[in-house]
Amino acid sequence: MYEDDIVKEIHKYREEYAKSLNYDLKAIFSDLRQKQIVSGHEVVKLPIKRRYPQKPQPTAS
């Protein structure tokens, strides 16, 4: 199987980062949120798109 060096490096970095925060998702989220705030980049929040089955529309007779 083909192994991509870039993907391998990303997986290594992600593992090291998670390990540095003891794999605590709350800590990871807080750290990323803080980095986002410090970056000064505008953050756009989009509404959640709910995917419900569409009801058939009545046809005009």
C-alpha atoms as a PDB file:
ATOM      1  CA  MET A   1       0.000   0.000   0.000  1.00  0.00           C
ATOM      2  CA  TYR A   2       1.209   3.501  -0.851  1.00  0.00           C
ATOM      3  CA  GLU A   3       2.189   5.692   2.098  1.00  0.00           C
ATOM      4  CA  ASP A   4       2.135   9.453   1.734  1.00  0.00           C
ATOM      5  CA  ASP A   5       4.925  11.157   3.689  1.00  0.00           C
ATOM      6  CA  ILE A   6       2.878  14.327   4.185  1.00  0.00           C
ATOM      7  CA  VAL A   7      -0.096  12.431   5.623  1.00  0.00           C
ATOM      8  CA  LYS A   8       2.276  10.431   7.822  1.00  0.00           C
ATOM      9  CA  GLU A   9       3.790  13.676   9.150  1.00  0.00           C
ATOM     10  CA  ILE A  10       0.335  15.142   9.865  1.00  0.00           C
ATOM     11  CA  HIS A  11      -0.668  12.005  11.784  1.00  0.00           C
ATOM     12  CA  LYS A  12       2.580  12.189  13.777  1.00  0.00           C
ATOM     13  CA  TYR A  13       1.983  15.870  14.649  1.00  0.00           C
ATOM     14  CA  ARG A  14      -1.644  15.204  15.592  1.00  0.00           C
ATOM     15  CA  GLU A  15      -0.589  12.352  17.885  1.00  0.00           C
ATOM     16  CA  GLU A  16       2.107  14.467  19.562  1.00  0.00           C
ATOM     17  CA  TYR A  17      -0.328  17.353  20.050  1.00  0.00           C
ATOM     18  CA  ALA A  18      -3.038  15.138  21.572  1.00  0.00           C
ATOM     19  CA  LYS A  19      -0.478  13.404  23.786  1.00  0.00           C
ATOM     20  CA  SER A  20       0.814  16.784  25.034  1.00  0.00           C
ATOM     21  CA  LEU A  21      -2.703  17.486  26.352  1.00  0.00           C
ATOM     22  CA  ASN A  22      -3.201  13.955  27.743  1.00  0.00           C
ATOM     23  CA  TYR A  23      -5.755  13.152  25.009  1.00  0.00           C
ATOM     24  CA  ASP A  24      -8.267  15.340  26.898  1.00  0.00           C
ATOM     25  CA  LEU A  25     -10.781  16.575  24.319  1.00  0.00           C
ATOM     26  CA  LYS A  26     -11.876  19.501  26.500  1.00  0.00           C
ATOM     27  CA  ALA A  27      -8.257  20.617  26.871  1.00  0.00           C
ATOM     28  CA  ILE A  28      -7.635  20.207  23.140  1.00  0.00           C
ATOM     29  CA  PHE A  29     -10.755  22.220  22.307  1.00  0.00           C
ATOM     30  CA  SER A  30      -9.823  24.966  24.793  1.00  0.00           C
ATOM     31  CA  ASP A  31      -6.277  25.156  23.439  1.00  0.00           C
ATOM     32  CA  LEU A  32      -7.441  25.379  19.824  1.00  0.00           C
ATOM     33  CA  ARG A  33     -10.072  27.986  20.747  1.00  0.00           C
ATOM     34  CA  GLN A  34      -7.401  30.090  22.490  1.00  0.00           C
ATOM     35  CA  LYS A  35      -5.082  29.821  19.464  1.00  0.00           C
ATOM     36  CA  GLN A  36      -7.986  30.892  17.253  1.00  0.00           C
ATOM     37  CA  ILE A  37      -8.676  33.967  19.411  1.00  0.00           C
ATOM     38  CA  VAL A  38      -4.997  34.945  19.526  1.00  0.00           C
ATOM     39  CA  SER A  39      -4.674  34.584  15.740  1.00  0.00           C
ATOM     40  CA  GLY A  40      -7.013  37.539  15.200  1.00  0.00           C
ATOM     41  CA  HIS A  41      -8.639  35.923  12.168  1.00  0.00           C
ATOM     42  CA  GLU A  42     -12.354  36.492  11.706  1.00  0.00           C
ATOM     43  CA  VAL A  43     -14.399  33.430  12.577  1.00  0.00           C
ATOM     44  CA  VAL A  44     -17.625  32.793  10.715  1.00  0.00           C
ATOM     45  CA  LYS A  45     -20.312  30.763  12.461  1.00  0.00           C
ATOM     46  CA  LEU A  46     -22.746  29.116  10.112  1.00  0.00           C
ATOM     47  CA  PRO A  47     -26.127  27.762  11.189  1.00  0.00           C
ATOM     48  CA  ILE A  48     -26.428  24.021  11.617  1.00  0.00           C
ATOM     49  CA  LYS A  49     -27.943  22.417   8.558  1.00  0.00           C
ATOM     50  CA  ARG A  50     -30.514  19.859   9.591  1.00  0.00           C
ATOM     51  CA  ARG A  51     -31.172  17.140   7.067  1.00  0.00           C
ATOM     52  CA  TYR A  52     -34.687  15.887   7.425  1.00  0.00           C
ATOM     53  CA  PRO A  53     -36.466  13.851   4.801  1.00  0.00           C
ATOM     54  CA  GLN A  54     -38.471  16.227   2.646  1.00  0.00           C
ATOM     55  CA  LYS A  55     -42.226  15.851   2.739  1.00  0.00           C
ATOM     56  CA  PRO A  56     -43.914  15.607  -0.638  1.00  0.00           C
ATOM     57  CA  GLN A  57     -45.328  18.959  -1.719  1.00  0.00           C
ATOM     58  CA  PRO A  58     -49.048  19.005  -2.479  1.00  0.00           C
ATOM     59  CA  THR A  59     -49.794  19.574  -6.145  1.00  0.00           C
ATOM     60  CA  ALA A  60     -52.360  22.096  -7.283  1.00  0.00           C
ATOM     61  CA  SER A  61     -55.267  20.461  -9.108  1.00  0.00           C
END
